Every structure is written in C-alpha cells, then in structure tokens.
C-alpha atoms as a PDB file:
ATOM      1  CA  MET A   1      59.708  79.476  74.062  1.00  0.00           C
ATOM      2  CA  GLU A   2      58.689  79.703  70.535  1.00  0.00           C
ATOM      3  CA  ALA A   3      56.519  76.797  69.383  1.00  0.00           C
ATOM      4  CA  ILE A   4      58.096  74.146  67.100  1.00  0.00           C
ATOM      5  CA  LYS A   5      56.113  73.166  64.016  1.00  0.00           C
ATOM      6  CA  ILE A   6      55.227  69.421  63.869  1.00  0.00           C
ATOM      7  CA  MET A   7      53.675  67.811  60.950  1.00  0.00           C
ATOM      8  CA  GLU A   8      51.801  71.016  60.325  1.00  0.00           C
ATOM      9  CA  LYS A   9      52.274  70.485  56.422  1.00  0.00           C
ATOM     10  CA  LYS A  10      50.538  67.798  54.432  1.00  0.00           C
ATOM     11  CA  ASP A  11      53.868  66.754  53.121  1.00  0.00           C
ATOM     12  CA  LYS A  12      54.465  63.008  52.083  1.00  0.00           C
ATOM     13  CA  ILE A  13      55.993  61.050  54.510  1.00  0.00           C
ATOM     14  CA  ASN A  14      59.156  59.103  53.373  1.00  0.00           C
ATOM     15  CA  TRP A  15      60.435  56.536  55.582  1.00  0.00           C
ATOM     16  CA  ASP A  16      63.400  53.827  54.923  1.00  0.00           C
ATOM     17  CA  TYR A  17      64.599  50.983  57.291  1.00  0.00           C
ATOM     18  CA  ASP A  18      67.899  49.890  57.585  1.00  0.00           C
ATOM     19  CA  GLU A  19      67.462  45.915  58.724  1.00  0.00           C
ATOM     20  CA  GLU A  20      71.036  45.488  59.335  1.00  0.00           C
ATOM     21  CA  ALA A  21      71.334  48.404  61.693  1.00  0.00           C
ATOM     22  CA  ASP A  22      67.987  48.074  62.845  1.00  0.00           C
ATOM     23  CA  VAL A  23      67.147  51.964  62.371  1.00  0.00           C
ATOM     24  CA  LEU A  24      63.876  53.330  60.917  1.00  0.00           C
ATOM     25  CA  TYR A  25      64.211  56.778  59.213  1.00  0.00           C
ATOM     26  CA  ILE A  26      61.058  58.873  58.898  1.00  0.00           C
ATOM     27  CA  SER A  27      61.050  62.148  57.133  1.00  0.00           C
ATOM     28  CA  MET A  28      58.390  64.945  56.438  1.00  0.00           C
ATOM     29  CA  GLY A  29      58.507  65.366  52.839  1.00  0.00           C
ATOM     30  CA  SER A  30      61.725  64.783  51.212  1.00  0.00           C
ATOM     31  CA  PRO A  31      64.907  64.247  53.277  1.00  0.00           C
ATOM     32  CA  LYS A  32      66.903  67.535  53.698  1.00  0.00           C
ATOM     33  CA  PRO A  33      70.075  68.582  55.914  1.00  0.00           C
ATOM     34  CA  SER A  34      68.749  69.212  59.233  1.00  0.00           C
ATOM     35  CA  MET A  35      69.796  69.516  63.080  1.00  0.00           C
ATOM     36  CA  SER A  36      69.503  66.631  65.313  1.00  0.00           C
ATOM     37  CA  ALA A  37      68.195  66.158  69.077  1.00  0.00           C
ATOM     38  CA  ASP A  38      68.552  62.832  70.893  1.00  0.00           C
ATOM     39  CA  ILE A  39      65.487  62.879  73.181  1.00  0.00           C
ATOM     40  CA  GLY A  40      66.181  59.147  74.410  1.00  0.00           C
ATOM     41  CA  ASP A  41      64.913  55.961  74.082  1.00  0.00           C
ATOM     42  CA  GLY A  42      66.429  55.295  70.787  1.00  0.00           C
ATOM     43  CA  VAL A  43      64.866  58.541  69.279  1.00  0.00           C
ATOM     44  CA  VAL A  44      66.380  61.305  67.203  1.00  0.00           C
ATOM     45  CA  VAL A  45      64.586  64.139  66.174  1.00  0.00           C
ATOM     46  CA  ARG A  46      65.856  66.029  63.215  1.00  0.00           C
ATOM     47  CA  TYR A  47      64.668  69.574  62.730  1.00  0.00           C
ATOM     48  CA  ASP A  48      65.361  73.066  60.753  1.00  0.00           C
ATOM     49  CA  GLU A  49      66.225  75.518  62.792  1.00  0.00           C
ATOM     50  CA  LYS A  50      65.520  78.470  60.562  1.00  0.00           C
ATOM     51  CA  LYS A  51      61.782  77.506  60.327  1.00  0.00           C
ATOM     52  CA  ASN A  52      61.554  75.750  63.633  1.00  0.00           C
ATOM     53  CA  GLU A  53      60.063  72.643  62.479  1.00  0.00           C
ATOM     54  CA  VAL A  54      60.534  69.176  62.643  1.00  0.00           C
ATOM     55  CA  THR A  55      61.745  67.176  59.353  1.00  0.00           C
ATOM     56  CA  GLY A  56      62.020  63.835  60.591  1.00  0.00           C
ATOM     57  CA  LEU A  57      62.705  61.151  63.002  1.00  0.00           C
ATOM     58  CA  THR A  58      65.238  58.491  63.388  1.00  0.00           C
ATOM     59  CA  LEU A  59      64.284  55.334  65.644  1.00  0.00           C
ATOM     60  CA  THR A  60      67.216  53.224  66.677  1.00  0.00           C
ATOM     61  CA  GLY A  61      66.706  49.642  67.748  1.00  0.00           C
ATOM     62  CA  LEU A  62      63.078  49.479  66.643  1.00  0.00           C
ATOM     63  CA  LYS A  63      62.715  45.919  65.505  1.00  0.00           C
ATOM     64  CA  SER A  64      64.726  44.644  68.882  1.00  0.00           C
ATOM     65  CA  ARG A  65      62.645  46.739  71.176  1.00  0.00           C
ATOM     66  CA  LEU A  66      59.414  45.410  69.294  1.00  0.00           C
ATOM     67  CA  LEU A  67      60.183  41.908  69.349  1.00  0.00           C
ATOM     68  CA  LYS A  68      61.137  42.146  72.928  1.00  0.00           C
ATOM     69  CA  ASN A  69      57.929  43.858  74.125  1.00  0.00           C
ATOM     70  CA  ILE A  70      56.017  41.006  72.000  1.00  0.00           C
ATOM     71  CA  GLU A  71      58.080  38.369  74.277  1.00  0.00           C
ATOM     72  CA  ASN A  72      57.508  39.892  77.602  1.00  0.00           C
ATOM     73  CA  LYS A  73      53.565  40.208  76.730  1.00  0.00           C
ATOM     74  CA  SER A  74      53.587  36.452  75.653  1.00  0.00           C
END
C-alpha cells in the first residue's frame, strides 16, 4: 500500500465553520476539488488522488458532540 501524505507541506491551514449546519471545514492550503472518504464518527477526509495527499477534513456535528462531551463530564 502506497503511503498517503498528511500535512507534509507547511501550507497555510484554512478553516470555515458553518454554525447552522454544525460543520467545520479544514483545508490544507486553498480549498481545491478533491475526492472524499467518510471515515466515520462525523469525519470526512478530502484527498487528491493524483498526488496521494490529504487536502482537508470535514467534521460534522462538532458543536453538538463537544457540548454533549462537556455535559457528560459535569
């Protein structure tokens, strides 16, 4: 299996949070068209198949999961 490059470059990390949808989008460098793989637990990895590198992450339900975790520890 060929290795996948994860954050090898020192590119700027861009992010955007959609509060209404409760989704955090993280991109390594400028957002670009990429393939996606749902790896579970509300995490989608975006990657460039040609370069075999991760281009970003999408985290769904972030705020709701964080609040639930905080409430469970109280």
